[in-house]
């Protein structure tokens, strides 16, 4: 009971910038794959998975592309350059949290496997 009261008090005491920080990284983690898939889908070389390659065919494809789709492609290129690296930072923070939780969970598991006679000796 005291633990739940303490966590609710801590949650209420979190400053606004921490909440915005968490929401920002969560949004980056969710939007990065979506933005990259839109970037690949809007590339003027439709059907080329290595788009844009930089050959003569690429220049022809960019010249003949629909101007609206080309503009969207450039917008998603600009956005993905910033959102994708930030999503890696957010995923890294989640990974560190996972490591901490695994470490904390392994200590009681190790102690539970010890038998009364198997305790380490103080030599």
Protein backbone atom coordinates (compact mmCIF):
# COMPACT_ATOMS: atom_id res chain seq x y z
CA UNK A 1 0.00 0.00 0.00
CA UNK A 2 2.80 2.40 0.91
CA UNK A 3 4.62 1.56 -2.32
CA UNK A 4 1.60 2.48 -4.46
CA UNK A 5 1.19 5.77 -2.61
CA UNK A 6 4.87 6.54 -3.07
CA UNK A 7 4.79 5.82 -6.82
CA UNK A 8 1.65 7.93 -7.31
CA UNK A 9 3.27 10.81 -5.41
CA UNK A 10 6.42 10.46 -7.51
CA UNK A 11 4.36 10.37 -10.70
CA UNK A 12 2.50 13.52 -9.71
CA UNK A 13 5.78 15.24 -8.81
CA UNK A 14 7.36 14.64 -12.26
CA UNK A 15 8.06 17.97 -13.90
CA UNK A 16 6.45 18.82 -17.21
CA UNK A 17 9.75 18.70 -19.10
CA UNK A 18 10.23 15.02 -18.19
CA UNK A 19 6.76 14.16 -19.42
CA UNK A 20 7.42 16.04 -22.66
CA UNK A 21 10.82 14.34 -22.95
CA UNK A 22 9.24 10.88 -22.66
CA UNK A 23 6.42 11.76 -25.04
CA UNK A 24 8.87 13.17 -27.58
CA UNK A 25 11.03 10.04 -27.67
CA UNK A 26 7.95 7.80 -27.75
CA UNK A 27 6.65 9.77 -30.72
CA UNK A 28 10.03 9.49 -32.47
CA UNK A 29 10.10 5.73 -31.90
CA UNK A 30 6.62 5.36 -33.38
CA UNK A 31 7.03 7.78 -36.29
CA UNK A 32 10.50 6.78 -37.53
CA UNK A 33 9.45 3.57 -39.33
CA UNK A 34 6.36 5.27 -40.75
CA UNK A 35 8.32 8.22 -42.11
CA UNK A 36 10.98 5.98 -43.64
CA UNK A 37 8.38 3.79 -45.32
CA UNK A 38 6.71 6.91 -46.75
CA UNK A 39 10.12 8.12 -47.93
CA UNK A 40 10.81 4.84 -49.74
CA UNK A 41 7.28 4.76 -51.14
CA UNK A 42 7.43 8.31 -52.52
CA UNK A 43 10.84 8.00 -54.15
CA UNK A 44 10.48 8.91 -57.86
CA UNK A 45 12.26 5.71 -58.93
CA UNK A 46 9.26 3.55 -58.16
CA UNK A 47 10.19 -0.11 -57.80
CA UNK A 48 13.90 0.48 -57.16
CA UNK A 49 14.75 -0.54 -53.58
CA UNK A 50 18.09 1.32 -53.73
CA UNK A 51 16.38 4.62 -54.54
CA UNK A 52 17.87 7.18 -55.13
CA UNK A 53 20.88 5.63 -56.84
CA UNK A 54 22.34 8.65 -58.62
CA UNK A 55 22.42 7.38 -62.19
CA UNK A 56 20.99 8.92 -65.34
CA UNK A 57 17.76 6.97 -64.78
CA UNK A 58 17.42 8.66 -61.40
CA UNK A 59 17.65 12.11 -62.96
CA UNK A 60 15.05 11.19 -65.56
CA UNK A 61 12.75 9.81 -62.86
CA UNK A 62 13.07 12.99 -60.80
CA UNK A 63 12.32 15.18 -63.86
CA UNK A 64 9.23 13.22 -64.86
CA UNK A 65 7.82 12.75 -61.35
CA UNK A 66 4.61 14.37 -60.17
CA UNK A 67 5.61 17.71 -58.53
CA UNK A 68 3.37 17.15 -55.50
CA UNK A 69 4.80 13.67 -54.85
CA UNK A 70 8.31 14.99 -55.35
CA UNK A 71 7.66 17.77 -52.84
CA UNK A 72 6.33 15.22 -50.32
CA UNK A 73 9.40 13.07 -50.96
CA UNK A 74 11.67 16.01 -50.11
CA UNK A 75 9.66 16.83 -46.97
CA UNK A 76 9.91 13.24 -45.72
CA UNK A 77 13.62 13.21 -46.58
CA UNK A 78 14.10 16.26 -44.37
CA UNK A 79 12.00 14.90 -41.50
CA UNK A 80 13.51 11.41 -41.54
CA UNK A 81 17.02 12.82 -41.20
CA UNK A 82 16.07 14.13 -37.76
CA UNK A 83 13.47 11.69 -36.47
CA UNK A 84 15.27 8.43 -37.22
CA UNK A 85 18.43 9.13 -35.15
CA UNK A 86 16.29 10.38 -32.26
CA UNK A 87 14.33 7.13 -32.35
CA UNK A 88 17.61 5.26 -31.84
CA UNK A 89 18.32 7.37 -28.75
CA UNK A 90 14.85 6.59 -27.39
CA UNK A 91 15.28 2.88 -28.09
CA UNK A 92 18.66 3.01 -26.36
CA UNK A 93 17.08 4.48 -23.26
CA UNK A 94 14.48 1.70 -23.28
CA UNK A 95 17.26 -0.84 -23.69
CA UNK A 96 19.12 0.50 -20.65
CA UNK A 97 15.91 0.30 -18.64
CA UNK A 98 15.50 -3.30 -19.76
CA UNK A 99 19.05 -4.14 -18.69
CA UNK A 100 18.45 -2.64 -15.26
CA UNK A 101 15.21 -4.59 -14.82
CA UNK A 102 16.86 -7.85 -15.88
CA UNK A 103 19.72 -7.26 -13.47
CA UNK A 104 17.39 -6.45 -10.58
CA UNK A 105 15.24 -9.49 -11.41
CA UNK A 106 18.21 -11.84 -11.61
CA UNK A 107 19.33 -11.17 -8.03
CA UNK A 108 16.23 -12.67 -6.35
CA UNK A 109 16.23 -15.49 -8.89
CA UNK A 110 19.82 -16.36 -7.99
CA UNK A 111 19.04 -16.24 -4.29
CA UNK A 112 15.97 -18.43 -4.77
CA UNK A 113 18.04 -21.15 -6.41
CA UNK A 114 20.44 -21.37 -3.49
CA UNK A 115 19.68 -24.07 -1.00
CA UNK A 116 20.28 -23.70 2.67
CA UNK A 117 23.47 -25.77 2.56
CA UNK A 118 24.73 -24.23 -0.69
CA UNK A 119 25.38 -20.79 0.71
CA UNK A 120 28.81 -19.46 -0.22
CA UNK A 121 31.40 -19.81 2.49
CA UNK A 122 33.32 -16.90 3.92
CA UNK A 123 36.86 -18.08 3.39
